Amino acid sequence: MIVVTGATGNVGRTLARLLAAAGEKVTATSRGITAADVPAGVRARRADLTDAESLRPLLDGADALFFQNGGTSAHLLDPGSVLDAARAGGVRRVVLLSSQGVATRPDSASHGQVGRSIEDAVRRSGLEWTILRPGGFASNTLAWAGPVRASRTVAAPFGDVGLPVIDPDDIAAVAAATLREDGHAGRTYELTGPVPVTPREQAAAIGEALGEPVRFVEQTRAEAREQMLGFMPEPVVETTLRILGEPTEQERTPGPDVERVLGRPAAPFAAWTRRNAAAFR
């Protein structure tokens, strides 16, 4: 059995579906999950990553764990307790969804330091481990869905700075492969899209998927910061703005690991947009 944490998120939801389609027994868990959130045959159980005791019954008898790093709640995690519960339940393999920022922003408390502490706990766990470090998600552009629906407009900073954002379904596919296949133990994979794409190009791709133009309005850094503070802590906002506006060479450069694991190139942003066009209509 494979336990998937964060199973209502952009990666976990698809991962549970892929594993079930491959014939695996799957327990999908998140704080608010219901049976309606998972495919037929997948067991849905509520648990909280920040409460390792809530995970223990789900891990009993499991073979593998997809360990979502907690996202904005990562600083609340006690990863050692989660991994202890996994080991006690019989888990032998863990795949951690981490972040590229662990490598590219090591001095950032929000992106580097917390993520590194979780990665280090996985490496010390005694389990067979694989770490996935994706860059920016294509699905982050869903934050633009409301303005696109209302006025066919996208507002974002740094309109001509490109990053190789990744389709979350590709992350899920890599996770499924590393959970099911041998040969990935002790590996850290950095996951990116195939080419850098700018916010201006993303807006145009959304327009193409909709069949009508989407206007791009470039925000100032201050405007973007004020908007982001409405839903992100300040340290996360500051690091995110640096990544978006002043990316490192590593953050700007597409990597080979998606193709290395899956045997095919990563999907381009336009493919994600076409598949998710309904969200912007």
Protein backbone atom coordinates (compact mmCIF):
# COMPACT_ATOMS: atom_id res chain seq x y z
CA MET A 1 0.00 0.00 0.00
CA ILE A 2 1.13 3.56 -0.77
CA VAL A 3 0.11 6.48 1.45
CA VAL A 4 -0.22 9.83 -0.34
CA THR A 5 -0.18 12.92 1.87
CA GLY A 6 -1.42 16.25 0.53
CA ALA A 7 -3.81 14.25 -1.62
CA THR A 8 -6.16 17.15 -2.39
CA GLY A 9 -3.35 19.31 -3.75
CA ASN A 10 -2.11 19.92 -7.27
CA VAL A 11 0.35 17.02 -7.13
CA GLY A 12 -1.21 14.62 -4.65
CA ARG A 13 -4.61 14.48 -6.34
CA THR A 14 -3.10 13.41 -9.66
CA LEU A 15 -0.63 11.08 -7.95
CA ALA A 16 -3.40 9.15 -6.21
CA ARG A 17 -5.15 8.74 -9.57
CA LEU A 18 -1.99 7.57 -11.35
CA LEU A 19 -1.16 5.04 -8.66
CA ALA A 20 -4.69 3.65 -8.61
CA ALA A 21 -4.69 3.36 -12.41
CA ALA A 22 -1.45 1.37 -12.14
CA GLY A 23 -3.15 -1.11 -9.81
CA GLU A 24 -1.62 0.07 -6.53
CA LYS A 25 -3.49 0.09 -3.25
CA VAL A 26 -3.62 3.73 -2.19
CA THR A 27 -4.56 5.60 0.96
CA ALA A 28 -5.00 9.30 0.22
CA THR A 29 -4.91 11.75 3.09
CA SER A 30 -5.22 15.46 3.85
CA ARG A 31 -6.91 17.54 6.53
CA GLY A 32 -10.26 17.84 4.76
CA ILE A 33 -10.30 14.99 2.27
CA THR A 34 -13.55 13.17 1.44
CA ALA A 35 -14.36 10.15 -0.71
CA ALA A 36 -15.46 12.54 -3.47
CA ASP A 37 -11.85 13.76 -3.79
CA VAL A 38 -10.37 10.41 -4.83
CA PRO A 39 -10.89 7.86 -7.62
CA ALA A 40 -12.86 4.69 -7.04
CA GLY A 41 -10.83 2.17 -5.10
CA VAL A 42 -8.69 4.74 -3.27
CA ARG A 43 -9.18 4.96 0.47
CA ALA A 44 -9.64 8.55 1.67
CA ARG A 45 -8.70 9.28 5.29
CA ARG A 46 -8.33 12.58 7.10
CA ALA A 47 -5.07 13.30 8.88
CA ASP A 48 -2.83 16.26 9.57
CA LEU A 49 0.87 16.25 8.66
CA THR A 50 1.57 18.49 11.64
CA ASP A 51 0.11 15.77 13.92
CA ALA A 52 2.12 12.59 13.38
CA GLU A 53 -0.17 10.60 15.66
CA SER A 54 -3.07 11.19 13.26
CA LEU A 55 -1.02 9.51 10.52
CA ARG A 56 -0.06 6.37 12.46
CA PRO A 57 -3.22 4.35 11.71
CA LEU A 58 -2.88 5.13 8.00
CA LEU A 59 0.76 4.09 7.85
CA ASP A 60 0.25 0.74 9.53
CA GLY A 61 0.97 -1.91 6.91
CA ALA A 62 2.02 0.59 4.22
CA ASP A 63 5.02 -0.03 1.97
CA ALA A 64 5.68 3.50 0.72
CA LEU A 65 4.93 7.11 1.64
CA PHE A 66 4.59 10.21 -0.52
CA PHE A 67 5.58 12.92 1.95
CA GLN A 68 4.33 16.35 0.92
CA ASN A 69 6.50 18.92 2.68
CA GLY A 70 3.61 20.88 4.16
CA GLY A 71 3.76 23.87 1.81
CA THR A 72 3.06 27.05 3.76
CA SER A 73 2.71 24.94 6.94
CA ALA A 74 6.17 23.38 6.52
CA HIS A 75 7.56 25.27 9.52
CA LEU A 76 4.97 23.53 11.73
CA LEU A 77 6.07 20.03 10.74
CA ASP A 78 8.01 17.65 12.95
CA PRO A 79 9.36 15.51 10.10
CA GLY A 80 11.18 13.14 12.42
CA SER A 81 7.93 12.14 14.10
CA VAL A 82 6.21 11.56 10.75
CA LEU A 83 9.09 9.41 9.56
CA ASP A 84 9.21 7.51 12.86
CA ALA A 85 5.52 6.71 12.44
CA ALA A 86 6.17 5.59 8.86
CA ARG A 87 9.01 3.30 9.89
CA ALA A 88 6.96 1.84 12.74
CA GLY A 89 4.12 1.11 10.33
CA GLY A 90 6.39 -0.87 8.00
CA VAL A 91 7.11 1.75 5.36
CA ARG A 92 10.39 1.10 3.58
CA ARG A 93 10.33 3.79 0.86
CA VAL A 94 9.63 7.52 1.15
CA VAL A 95 9.42 10.10 -1.64
CA LEU A 96 9.59 13.69 -0.40
CA LEU A 97 8.07 16.59 -2.31
CA SER A 98 10.53 19.36 -1.46
CA SER A 99 11.42 22.56 -3.36
CA GLN A 100 14.13 23.80 -5.69
CA GLY A 101 14.57 26.66 -3.23
CA VAL A 102 16.42 24.32 -0.87
CA ALA A 103 19.29 24.43 -3.35
CA THR A 104 18.87 27.88 -4.87
CA ARG A 105 17.84 29.90 -1.81
CA PRO A 106 19.66 28.19 1.08
CA ASP A 107 19.72 31.33 3.23
CA SER A 108 15.96 31.88 2.96
CA ALA A 109 14.11 30.77 6.08
CA SER A 110 10.92 30.22 4.10
CA HIS A 111 12.33 28.38 1.07
CA GLY A 112 15.75 27.02 2.02
CA GLN A 113 16.22 26.44 5.72
CA VAL A 114 12.91 24.77 6.59
CA GLY A 115 13.03 22.67 3.45
CA ARG A 116 16.59 21.59 4.18
CA SER A 117 15.66 20.48 7.69
CA ILE A 118 12.87 18.28 6.28
CA GLU A 119 15.19 16.85 3.62
CA ASP A 120 17.84 16.12 6.25
CA ALA A 121 15.29 14.26 8.38
CA VAL A 122 14.36 12.12 5.36
CA ARG A 123 18.01 11.33 4.67
CA ARG A 124 18.53 10.31 8.31
CA SER A 125 15.34 8.26 8.50
CA GLY A 126 16.83 4.88 7.65
CA LEU A 127 14.23 4.52 4.90
CA GLU A 128 14.90 4.21 1.18
CA TRP A 129 14.44 7.83 0.08
CA THR A 130 14.04 9.97 -3.02
CA ILE A 131 13.71 13.76 -2.96
CA LEU A 132 11.83 15.77 -5.59
CA ARG A 133 12.66 19.47 -5.92
CA PRO A 134 10.29 21.19 -8.36
CA GLY A 135 10.62 24.81 -9.38
CA GLY A 136 7.60 27.04 -9.96
CA PHE A 137 4.30 25.34 -10.74
CA ALA A 138 2.34 26.11 -13.91
CA SER A 139 -0.76 25.93 -11.74
CA ASN A 140 0.32 29.05 -9.83
CA THR A 141 -1.28 30.97 -12.70
CA LEU A 142 -4.69 29.84 -11.45
CA ALA A 143 -4.36 32.90 -9.21
CA TRP A 144 -5.10 34.87 -12.38
CA ALA A 145 -8.32 32.98 -13.14
CA GLY A 146 -10.65 35.55 -11.58
CA PRO A 147 -9.29 38.58 -13.48
CA VAL A 148 -9.09 36.58 -16.69
CA ARG A 149 -12.72 35.52 -16.37
CA ALA A 150 -13.84 39.04 -15.43
CA SER A 151 -11.84 41.19 -17.84
CA ARG A 152 -9.46 38.99 -19.87
CA THR A 153 -6.57 40.64 -18.03
CA VAL A 154 -3.47 39.34 -16.22
CA ALA A 155 -1.49 41.59 -13.87
CA ALA A 156 1.92 40.40 -12.72
CA PRO A 157 5.42 41.76 -12.06
CA PHE A 158 8.59 41.07 -14.07
CA GLY A 159 6.70 40.51 -17.31
CA ASP A 160 9.74 39.51 -19.37
CA VAL A 161 11.60 37.33 -16.87
CA GLY A 162 11.26 33.68 -17.85
CA LEU A 163 11.25 30.61 -15.60
CA PRO A 164 10.82 26.96 -16.66
CA VAL A 165 7.61 26.34 -14.71
CA ILE A 166 6.53 22.72 -14.39
CA ASP A 167 3.18 21.03 -14.93
CA PRO A 168 2.13 19.52 -11.56
CA ASP A 169 1.01 16.40 -13.43
CA ASP A 170 4.64 15.84 -14.43
CA ILE A 171 5.66 16.06 -10.78
CA ALA A 172 2.98 13.49 -9.97
CA ALA A 173 4.19 11.21 -12.76
CA VAL A 174 7.76 11.38 -11.46
CA ALA A 175 6.50 10.71 -7.94
CA ALA A 176 4.54 7.67 -9.13
CA ALA A 177 7.60 6.28 -10.90
CA THR A 178 9.88 6.77 -7.91
CA LEU A 179 7.34 5.24 -5.52
CA ARG A 180 6.81 2.15 -7.71
CA GLU A 181 10.17 1.54 -9.36
CA ASP A 182 13.58 0.55 -8.08
CA GLY A 183 16.66 2.55 -9.01
CA HIS A 184 15.74 5.90 -7.48
CA ALA A 185 16.98 5.42 -3.92
CA GLY A 186 19.27 8.16 -2.67
CA ARG A 187 18.52 10.41 -5.64
CA THR A 188 17.48 14.06 -5.62
CA TYR A 189 15.62 15.16 -8.76
CA GLU A 190 15.20 18.82 -9.72
CA LEU A 191 12.00 19.10 -11.75
CA THR A 192 11.36 21.89 -14.24
CA GLY A 193 9.43 22.54 -17.41
CA PRO A 194 11.14 22.24 -20.80
CA VAL A 195 11.73 25.96 -21.51
CA PRO A 196 11.56 29.26 -19.64
CA VAL A 197 8.27 31.11 -20.07
CA THR A 198 7.63 34.72 -19.03
CA PRO A 199 4.45 36.03 -17.39
CA ARG A 200 3.69 37.91 -20.61
CA GLU A 201 4.00 34.64 -22.57
CA GLN A 202 1.86 32.83 -20.02
CA ALA A 203 -0.92 35.38 -20.46
CA ALA A 204 -0.70 34.93 -24.23
CA ALA A 205 -0.86 31.14 -23.86
CA ILE A 206 -4.01 31.46 -21.74
CA GLY A 207 -5.51 33.65 -24.44
CA GLU A 208 -4.68 31.06 -27.10
CA ALA A 209 -6.34 28.34 -25.05
CA LEU A 210 -9.45 30.52 -24.68
CA GLY A 211 -9.48 31.61 -28.30
CA GLU A 212 -9.43 35.31 -27.47
CA PRO A 213 -6.77 37.81 -26.35
CA VAL A 214 -5.75 38.18 -22.73
CA ARG A 215 -4.18 41.56 -21.94
CA PHE A 216 -1.02 41.62 -19.82
CA VAL A 217 -0.51 44.48 -17.33
CA GLU A 218 2.90 44.67 -15.68
CA GLN A 219 2.80 45.41 -11.97
CA THR A 220 5.55 47.19 -10.08
CA ARG A 221 7.37 45.18 -7.47
CA ALA A 222 5.63 47.21 -4.75
CA GLU A 223 2.19 46.51 -6.23
CA ALA A 224 2.89 42.81 -6.46
CA ARG A 225 4.28 42.74 -2.91
CA GLU A 226 1.18 44.42 -1.48
CA GLN A 227 -1.09 41.96 -3.28
CA MET A 228 0.92 38.88 -2.23
CA LEU A 229 0.97 39.94 1.42
CA GLY A 230 -2.77 39.30 1.42
CA PHE A 231 -2.20 35.55 1.27
CA MET A 232 1.50 34.88 2.01
CA PRO A 233 3.72 35.57 5.03
CA GLU A 234 6.20 38.39 4.42
CA PRO A 235 9.36 36.20 4.31
CA VAL A 236 7.73 34.00 1.67
CA VAL A 237 6.69 37.06 -0.33
CA GLU A 238 10.20 38.54 -0.30
CA THR A 239 11.89 35.33 -1.43
CA THR A 240 9.21 34.68 -4.05
CA LEU A 241 9.70 38.16 -5.53
CA ARG A 242 13.45 37.60 -5.71
CA ILE A 243 12.91 34.32 -7.54
CA LEU A 244 10.45 35.91 -9.97
CA GLY A 245 12.47 39.05 -10.60
CA GLU A 246 16.09 38.03 -10.05
CA PRO A 247 16.26 34.28 -10.62
CA THR A 248 19.56 32.47 -10.26
CA GLU A 249 21.07 30.67 -13.23
CA GLN A 250 19.82 27.37 -11.80
CA GLU A 251 16.28 28.73 -11.42
CA ARG A 252 16.30 29.99 -15.03
CA THR A 253 17.68 26.79 -16.57
CA PRO A 254 15.52 23.80 -17.58
CA GLY A 255 16.79 20.55 -16.11
CA PRO A 256 16.87 17.00 -17.51
CA ASP A 257 15.40 15.05 -14.60
CA VAL A 258 11.77 14.79 -15.76
CA GLU A 259 12.89 13.20 -19.01
CA ARG A 260 15.50 11.12 -17.18
CA VAL A 261 12.81 9.54 -15.00
CA LEU A 262 9.85 9.41 -17.40
CA GLY A 263 11.61 8.85 -20.71
CA ARG A 264 9.83 11.83 -22.26
CA PRO A 265 10.23 15.60 -22.13
CA ALA A 266 8.42 17.68 -19.55
CA ALA A 267 5.14 19.18 -20.78
CA PRO A 268 5.21 22.82 -21.92
CA PHE A 269 3.17 25.51 -20.19
CA ALA A 270 0.84 25.77 -23.19
CA ALA A 271 -0.18 22.13 -22.77
CA TRP A 272 -1.09 22.74 -19.12
CA THR A 273 -3.07 25.83 -20.18
CA ARG A 274 -5.07 23.95 -22.81
CA ARG A 275 -5.92 21.22 -20.32
CA ASN A 276 -7.05 23.76 -17.71
CA ALA A 277 -8.68 26.36 -19.97
CA ALA A 278 -12.06 25.87 -18.28
CA ALA A 279 -10.70 27.49 -15.11
CA PHE A 280 -10.20 30.74 -17.03
CA ARG A 281 -13.45 30.86 -19.01
